[in-house]
């Protein structure tokens, strides 16, 4: 996802989109103008909570 993709999807300005993308701890690749963001699912799943209340 690029900053522009985020802006178009969320209907926000450039500064807001940048703050959102940076706060999500995504993997950023590329330079300032060509940066894309990707989610690291392995890292995300490690941070997820366990549901102890669910019984099998």
N, C-alpha and C. Protein backbone atom coordinates (compact mmCIF):
# COMPACT_ATOMS: atom_id res chain seq x y z
N UNK A 1 0.86 -1.16 0.00
CA UNK A 1 0.00 0.00 0.00
C UNK A 1 0.91 1.22 0.00
N UNK A 2 0.55 2.19 -0.77
CA UNK A 2 1.28 3.45 -0.79
C UNK A 2 0.52 4.48 0.03
N UNK A 3 1.17 5.60 0.27
CA UNK A 3 0.53 6.70 0.98
C UNK A 3 -0.71 7.16 0.20
N UNK A 4 -0.59 7.21 -1.11
CA UNK A 4 -1.71 7.63 -1.95
C UNK A 4 -2.88 6.64 -1.85
N UNK A 5 -2.58 5.36 -1.84
CA UNK A 5 -3.62 4.34 -1.68
C UNK A 5 -4.35 4.54 -0.36
N UNK A 6 -3.58 4.79 0.69
CA UNK A 6 -4.16 5.00 2.02
C UNK A 6 -5.06 6.24 2.02
N UNK A 7 -4.58 7.32 1.44
CA UNK A 7 -5.37 8.57 1.37
C UNK A 7 -6.67 8.37 0.63
N UNK A 8 -6.59 7.68 -0.50
CA UNK A 8 -7.80 7.46 -1.30
C UNK A 8 -8.80 6.55 -0.58
N UNK A 9 -8.29 5.52 0.08
CA UNK A 9 -9.16 4.57 0.77
C UNK A 9 -9.83 5.19 1.99
N UNK A 10 -9.05 5.94 2.79
CA UNK A 10 -9.56 6.50 4.04
C UNK A 10 -10.10 7.93 3.90
N UNK A 11 -9.88 8.54 2.73
CA UNK A 11 -10.31 9.93 2.50
C UNK A 11 -9.71 10.88 3.53
N UNK A 12 -8.37 10.80 3.66
CA UNK A 12 -7.65 11.67 4.58
C UNK A 12 -6.55 12.41 3.82
N UNK A 13 -5.94 13.41 4.48
CA UNK A 13 -4.86 14.15 3.83
C UNK A 13 -3.54 13.40 3.95
N UNK A 14 -2.50 13.92 3.30
CA UNK A 14 -1.21 13.25 3.23
C UNK A 14 -0.58 13.08 4.61
N UNK A 15 -0.62 14.10 5.42
CA UNK A 15 -0.01 14.04 6.75
C UNK A 15 -0.68 12.98 7.62
N UNK A 16 -2.00 12.91 7.57
CA UNK A 16 -2.74 11.93 8.35
C UNK A 16 -2.43 10.51 7.87
N UNK A 17 -2.39 10.32 6.56
CA UNK A 17 -2.08 9.00 6.01
C UNK A 17 -0.68 8.56 6.43
N UNK A 18 0.27 9.48 6.41
CA UNK A 18 1.65 9.15 6.82
C UNK A 18 1.68 8.73 8.29
N UNK A 19 1.00 9.47 9.14
CA UNK A 19 0.97 9.13 10.57
C UNK A 19 0.33 7.76 10.80
N UNK A 20 -0.74 7.48 10.09
CA UNK A 20 -1.42 6.19 10.23
C UNK A 20 -0.50 5.05 9.82
N UNK A 21 0.11 5.18 8.65
CA UNK A 21 0.97 4.11 8.13
C UNK A 21 2.18 3.89 9.03
N UNK A 22 2.79 4.97 9.52
CA UNK A 22 3.96 4.85 10.38
C UNK A 22 3.59 4.27 11.75
N UNK A 23 2.42 4.58 12.25
CA UNK A 23 2.02 4.09 13.57
C UNK A 23 1.66 2.61 13.57
N UNK A 24 1.40 2.05 12.40
CA UNK A 24 0.99 0.65 12.31
C UNK A 24 2.17 -0.32 12.30
N UNK A 25 3.39 0.18 12.37
CA UNK A 25 4.58 -0.66 12.39
C UNK A 25 4.62 -1.62 11.19
N UNK A 26 4.36 -1.08 10.02
CA UNK A 26 4.39 -1.88 8.79
C UNK A 26 5.80 -1.92 8.25
N UNK A 27 6.06 -2.86 7.36
CA UNK A 27 7.36 -2.93 6.69
C UNK A 27 7.35 -1.92 5.55
N UNK A 28 8.21 -0.93 5.63
CA UNK A 28 8.30 0.08 4.59
C UNK A 28 9.48 -0.20 3.69
N UNK A 29 9.25 -0.17 2.39
CA UNK A 29 10.33 -0.37 1.42
C UNK A 29 10.30 0.76 0.42
N UNK A 30 11.46 1.11 -0.09
CA UNK A 30 11.56 2.16 -1.09
C UNK A 30 11.93 3.49 -0.47
N UNK A 31 12.20 4.45 -1.34
CA UNK A 31 12.58 5.79 -0.90
C UNK A 31 11.39 6.61 -0.48
N UNK A 32 11.64 7.89 -0.29
CA UNK A 32 10.56 8.77 0.16
C UNK A 32 9.39 8.82 -0.83
N UNK A 33 9.70 8.91 -2.10
CA UNK A 33 8.64 9.04 -3.11
C UNK A 33 8.09 7.69 -3.56
N UNK A 34 8.86 6.65 -3.39
CA UNK A 34 8.45 5.33 -3.89
C UNK A 34 8.17 4.35 -2.77
N UNK A 35 7.90 4.83 -1.58
CA UNK A 35 7.72 3.95 -0.42
C UNK A 35 6.40 3.20 -0.50
N UNK A 36 6.49 1.91 -0.19
CA UNK A 36 5.29 1.08 -0.07
C UNK A 36 5.31 0.43 1.30
N UNK A 37 4.16 0.13 1.82
CA UNK A 37 4.03 -0.46 3.15
C UNK A 37 3.37 -1.82 3.03
N UNK A 38 3.91 -2.79 3.79
CA UNK A 38 3.34 -4.14 3.80
C UNK A 38 3.23 -4.60 5.24
N UNK A 39 2.22 -5.39 5.53
CA UNK A 39 2.05 -5.92 6.87
C UNK A 39 2.88 -7.20 7.02
N UNK A 40 3.52 -7.34 8.16
CA UNK A 40 4.27 -8.55 8.48
C UNK A 40 3.35 -9.44 9.31
N UNK A 41 2.69 -10.38 8.66
CA UNK A 41 1.68 -11.21 9.33
C UNK A 41 2.28 -12.05 10.45
N UNK A 42 3.50 -12.52 10.29
CA UNK A 42 4.14 -13.32 11.35
C UNK A 42 4.27 -12.49 12.62
N UNK A 43 4.71 -11.26 12.47
CA UNK A 43 4.86 -10.37 13.62
C UNK A 43 3.51 -10.01 14.22
N UNK A 44 2.54 -9.79 13.35
CA UNK A 44 1.19 -9.45 13.81
C UNK A 44 0.56 -10.59 14.60
N UNK A 45 0.73 -11.81 14.12
CA UNK A 45 0.15 -12.96 14.79
C UNK A 45 0.82 -13.23 16.13
N UNK A 46 2.10 -12.93 16.25
CA UNK A 46 2.80 -13.11 17.52
C UNK A 46 2.28 -12.15 18.57
N UNK A 47 1.84 -10.96 18.14
CA UNK A 47 1.34 -9.95 19.06
C UNK A 47 -0.11 -10.18 19.45
N UNK A 48 -0.82 -11.00 18.68
CA UNK A 48 -2.24 -11.19 18.95
C UNK A 48 -2.46 -11.89 20.28
N UNK A 49 -3.59 -11.64 20.87
CA UNK A 49 -3.88 -12.20 22.18
C UNK A 49 -4.43 -13.61 22.04
N UNK A 50 -4.25 -14.38 23.06
CA UNK A 50 -4.81 -15.73 23.10
C UNK A 50 -6.20 -15.65 23.71
N UNK A 51 -7.09 -16.47 23.21
CA UNK A 51 -8.46 -16.48 23.71
C UNK A 51 -8.61 -17.64 24.69
N UNK A 52 -8.27 -17.38 25.94
CA UNK A 52 -8.34 -18.41 26.97
C UNK A 52 -9.78 -18.77 27.32
N UNK A 53 -10.71 -17.89 27.02
CA UNK A 53 -12.10 -18.15 27.40
C UNK A 53 -12.80 -19.13 26.44
N UNK A 54 -12.16 -19.40 25.30
CA UNK A 54 -12.78 -20.31 24.32
C UNK A 54 -12.37 -21.73 24.65
N UNK A 55 -13.34 -22.59 24.82
CA UNK A 55 -13.07 -24.00 25.12
C UNK A 55 -13.32 -24.84 23.88
N UNK A 56 -12.57 -25.91 23.76
CA UNK A 56 -12.75 -26.83 22.62
C UNK A 56 -13.92 -27.74 22.83
